[in-house]
Amino acid sequence: MDITFEKILEQAVIMPLPVVITDGGRKAAGFAKAKRRDCVTRAVAIAAELDYRKVWEDFTAMNAKTRQTKRTCKTAKENSDTGVYMKRKAFKDYMKELGFEWVPTMKIGSGCTVHLRKGELPTKGRMVVNVSRHAVAVVDGVVHDTYDPCRGGLRCVYGYWIRK
């Protein structure tokens, strides 16, 4: 077992991932800078290297076909501004079409085992990471979002979509 100074330091000090502040092309796509629930759209656009408007339109079409339940937002059928349901089969199929693969990091009763910190997520690749009530793009070990979602390296990761 190789023990290096870096590994000891990573275990002793929580090192959150570096963050790049970006809107993922939202403003360039003609959307006003407003409070929006577009984290999934933004994360997918960044990780898949797609135009924000195209991803927004794809999710709007997907939401229009989504069956409404008492837990889904009543305005979700109009457009994707009200959120995207990541647990739906349509979303999973969309991500697979883009060449992403789901990697779960948490199971029922397992507790949190992976966080948004150095050494716990792959350092290479483009990912859409699912954290509590949020989705974030991670590109080669760097978070790309409109703010720092790491919570000092304590934010729990439920799983992530990684491009094959």
Protein backbone atom coordinates (compact mmCIF):
# COMPACT_ATOMS: atom_id res chain seq x y z
CA MET A 1 0.00 0.00 0.00
CA ASP A 2 1.52 3.28 -1.13
CA ILE A 3 1.00 6.11 1.33
CA THR A 4 2.00 9.47 -0.03
CA PHE A 5 2.02 12.85 1.61
CA GLU A 6 -0.77 13.97 -0.77
CA LYS A 7 -3.04 11.09 0.29
CA ILE A 8 -2.45 11.83 3.98
CA LEU A 9 -3.13 15.53 3.37
CA GLU A 10 -6.36 14.77 1.44
CA GLN A 11 -7.62 12.62 4.33
CA ALA A 12 -6.62 15.16 6.98
CA VAL A 13 -7.95 18.26 5.23
CA ILE A 14 -11.23 18.42 3.34
CA MET A 15 -10.41 19.89 -0.07
CA PRO A 16 -13.50 20.94 -2.04
CA LEU A 17 -13.36 20.83 -5.81
CA PRO A 18 -12.32 24.02 -7.60
CA VAL A 19 -15.23 26.00 -9.06
CA VAL A 20 -15.68 27.93 -12.32
CA ILE A 21 -18.64 30.34 -12.20
CA THR A 22 -20.64 30.05 -15.43
CA ASP A 23 -24.26 30.16 -16.58
CA GLY A 24 -23.64 27.41 -19.14
CA GLY A 25 -24.64 29.62 -22.06
CA ARG A 26 -28.02 30.69 -20.64
CA LYS A 27 -27.50 34.41 -21.26
CA ALA A 28 -26.05 33.82 -24.73
CA ALA A 29 -29.14 31.73 -25.57
CA GLY A 30 -31.31 34.78 -24.90
CA PHE A 31 -32.61 33.94 -21.45
CA ALA A 32 -32.74 36.74 -18.91
CA LYS A 33 -30.65 36.43 -15.79
CA ALA A 34 -33.39 35.55 -13.36
CA LYS A 35 -34.09 33.06 -10.61
CA ARG A 36 -34.57 29.88 -12.60
CA ARG A 37 -34.63 26.24 -11.71
CA ASP A 38 -32.40 25.35 -14.62
CA CYS A 39 -29.57 23.50 -12.89
CA VAL A 40 -30.21 20.27 -14.83
CA THR A 41 -30.40 22.10 -18.17
CA ARG A 42 -27.23 24.05 -17.38
CA ALA A 43 -25.32 20.98 -16.12
CA VAL A 44 -26.23 18.88 -19.16
CA ALA A 45 -25.38 21.71 -21.59
CA ILE A 46 -21.95 22.12 -20.00
CA ALA A 47 -21.12 18.43 -19.58
CA ALA A 48 -22.38 17.40 -23.03
CA GLU A 49 -20.90 20.51 -24.70
CA LEU A 50 -24.28 21.42 -26.19
CA ASP A 51 -26.01 24.74 -26.76
CA TYR A 52 -28.13 25.75 -23.74
CA ARG A 53 -31.13 26.58 -25.97
CA LYS A 54 -31.08 23.09 -27.58
CA VAL A 55 -31.00 21.33 -24.19
CA TRP A 56 -33.75 23.64 -22.90
CA GLU A 57 -35.94 22.83 -25.91
CA ASP A 58 -35.28 19.10 -25.55
CA PHE A 59 -36.29 19.19 -21.89
CA THR A 60 -39.35 21.32 -22.63
CA ALA A 61 -40.49 18.71 -25.17
CA MET A 62 -39.73 15.96 -22.67
CA ASN A 63 -41.73 17.69 -19.93
CA ALA A 64 -44.70 18.11 -22.28
CA LYS A 65 -44.85 14.32 -22.61
CA THR A 66 -44.37 13.68 -18.88
CA ARG A 67 -47.36 12.36 -16.99
CA GLN A 68 -48.36 14.74 -14.23
CA THR A 69 -48.65 13.50 -10.67
CA LYS A 70 -49.34 15.28 -7.41
CA ARG A 71 -45.57 15.66 -6.94
CA THR A 72 -44.78 17.24 -10.31
CA CYS A 73 -45.07 20.96 -10.90
CA LYS A 74 -48.30 21.99 -12.65
CA THR A 75 -46.46 24.33 -15.03
CA ALA A 76 -43.83 21.74 -16.03
CA LYS A 77 -45.71 20.96 -19.25
CA GLU A 78 -45.24 24.54 -20.48
CA ASN A 79 -41.41 24.62 -20.47
CA SER A 80 -38.36 23.35 -18.62
CA ASP A 81 -38.01 26.49 -16.48
CA THR A 82 -39.83 24.77 -13.64
CA GLY A 83 -37.36 21.89 -13.46
CA VAL A 84 -36.49 18.59 -15.06
CA TYR A 85 -37.34 15.29 -13.46
CA MET A 86 -34.05 13.39 -13.36
CA LYS A 87 -35.64 10.17 -12.12
CA ARG A 88 -37.91 9.81 -15.13
CA LYS A 89 -37.19 7.24 -17.82
CA ALA A 90 -37.25 9.95 -20.51
CA PHE A 91 -34.38 11.81 -18.82
CA LYS A 92 -32.37 8.61 -18.40
CA ASP A 93 -32.92 7.72 -22.07
CA TYR A 94 -31.86 11.24 -23.10
CA MET A 95 -28.61 11.00 -21.14
CA LYS A 96 -27.86 7.57 -22.63
CA GLU A 97 -28.44 8.99 -26.14
CA LEU A 98 -25.85 11.67 -25.36
CA GLY A 99 -23.36 8.92 -24.42
CA PHE A 100 -23.52 9.19 -20.64
CA GLU A 101 -23.60 6.32 -18.16
CA TRP A 102 -25.14 6.46 -14.66
CA VAL A 103 -22.83 5.68 -11.72
CA PRO A 104 -24.67 5.45 -8.38
CA THR A 105 -22.62 6.41 -5.32
CA MET A 106 -25.24 5.90 -2.64
CA LYS A 107 -27.61 3.08 -1.75
CA ILE A 108 -30.51 2.91 0.67
CA GLY A 109 -29.08 2.76 4.18
CA SER A 110 -25.46 3.20 3.05
CA GLY A 111 -25.06 6.81 4.07
CA CYS A 112 -22.98 9.32 2.16
CA THR A 113 -19.77 7.85 0.76
CA VAL A 114 -18.87 10.38 -1.97
CA HIS A 115 -18.73 14.18 -1.63
CA LEU A 116 -17.94 17.14 -3.90
CA ARG A 117 -14.28 17.10 -2.88
CA LYS A 118 -10.91 16.14 -4.30
CA GLY A 119 -10.16 12.44 -4.44
CA GLU A 120 -13.77 11.22 -4.36
CA LEU A 121 -14.92 11.80 -7.95
CA PRO A 122 -13.06 10.89 -11.14
CA THR A 123 -10.56 13.58 -12.07
CA LYS A 124 -10.96 13.00 -15.82
CA GLY A 125 -14.16 13.21 -17.80
CA ARG A 126 -17.35 15.21 -18.17
CA MET A 127 -20.08 14.55 -15.61
CA VAL A 128 -23.53 15.67 -14.51
CA VAL A 129 -23.44 15.15 -10.75
CA ASN A 130 -26.65 14.67 -8.76
CA VAL A 131 -26.44 16.21 -5.28
CA SER A 132 -29.21 17.10 -2.83
CA ARG A 133 -31.86 19.16 -4.68
CA HIS A 134 -29.34 20.19 -7.33
CA ALA A 135 -27.41 19.04 -10.40
CA VAL A 136 -23.96 20.32 -11.26
CA ALA A 137 -21.50 19.86 -14.12
CA VAL A 138 -18.02 18.60 -13.24
CA VAL A 139 -15.42 18.72 -16.01
CA ASP A 140 -12.01 17.14 -15.35
CA GLY A 141 -12.41 17.58 -11.60
CA VAL A 142 -13.64 21.20 -11.75
CA VAL A 143 -17.20 22.24 -10.84
CA HIS A 144 -18.97 24.48 -13.39
CA ASP A 145 -22.01 26.25 -11.89
CA THR A 146 -23.50 29.66 -11.10
CA TYR A 147 -22.25 29.40 -7.50
CA ASP A 148 -20.08 27.12 -5.34
CA PRO A 149 -22.30 24.12 -4.50
CA CYS A 150 -19.59 22.13 -2.65
CA ARG A 151 -20.47 23.29 0.89
CA GLY A 152 -16.80 23.20 1.78
CA GLY A 153 -16.41 19.66 0.43
CA LEU A 154 -19.26 18.28 2.55
CA ARG A 155 -21.98 18.14 -0.16
CA CYS A 156 -23.07 14.54 -0.63
CA VAL A 157 -23.11 13.05 -4.14
CA TYR A 158 -26.01 10.66 -4.86
CA GLY A 159 -24.58 9.61 -8.20
CA TYR A 160 -23.35 10.99 -11.50
CA TRP A 161 -23.74 10.67 -15.25
CA ILE A 162 -20.31 10.34 -16.88
CA ARG A 163 -19.61 10.52 -20.60
CA LYS A 164 -18.20 7.26 -21.90
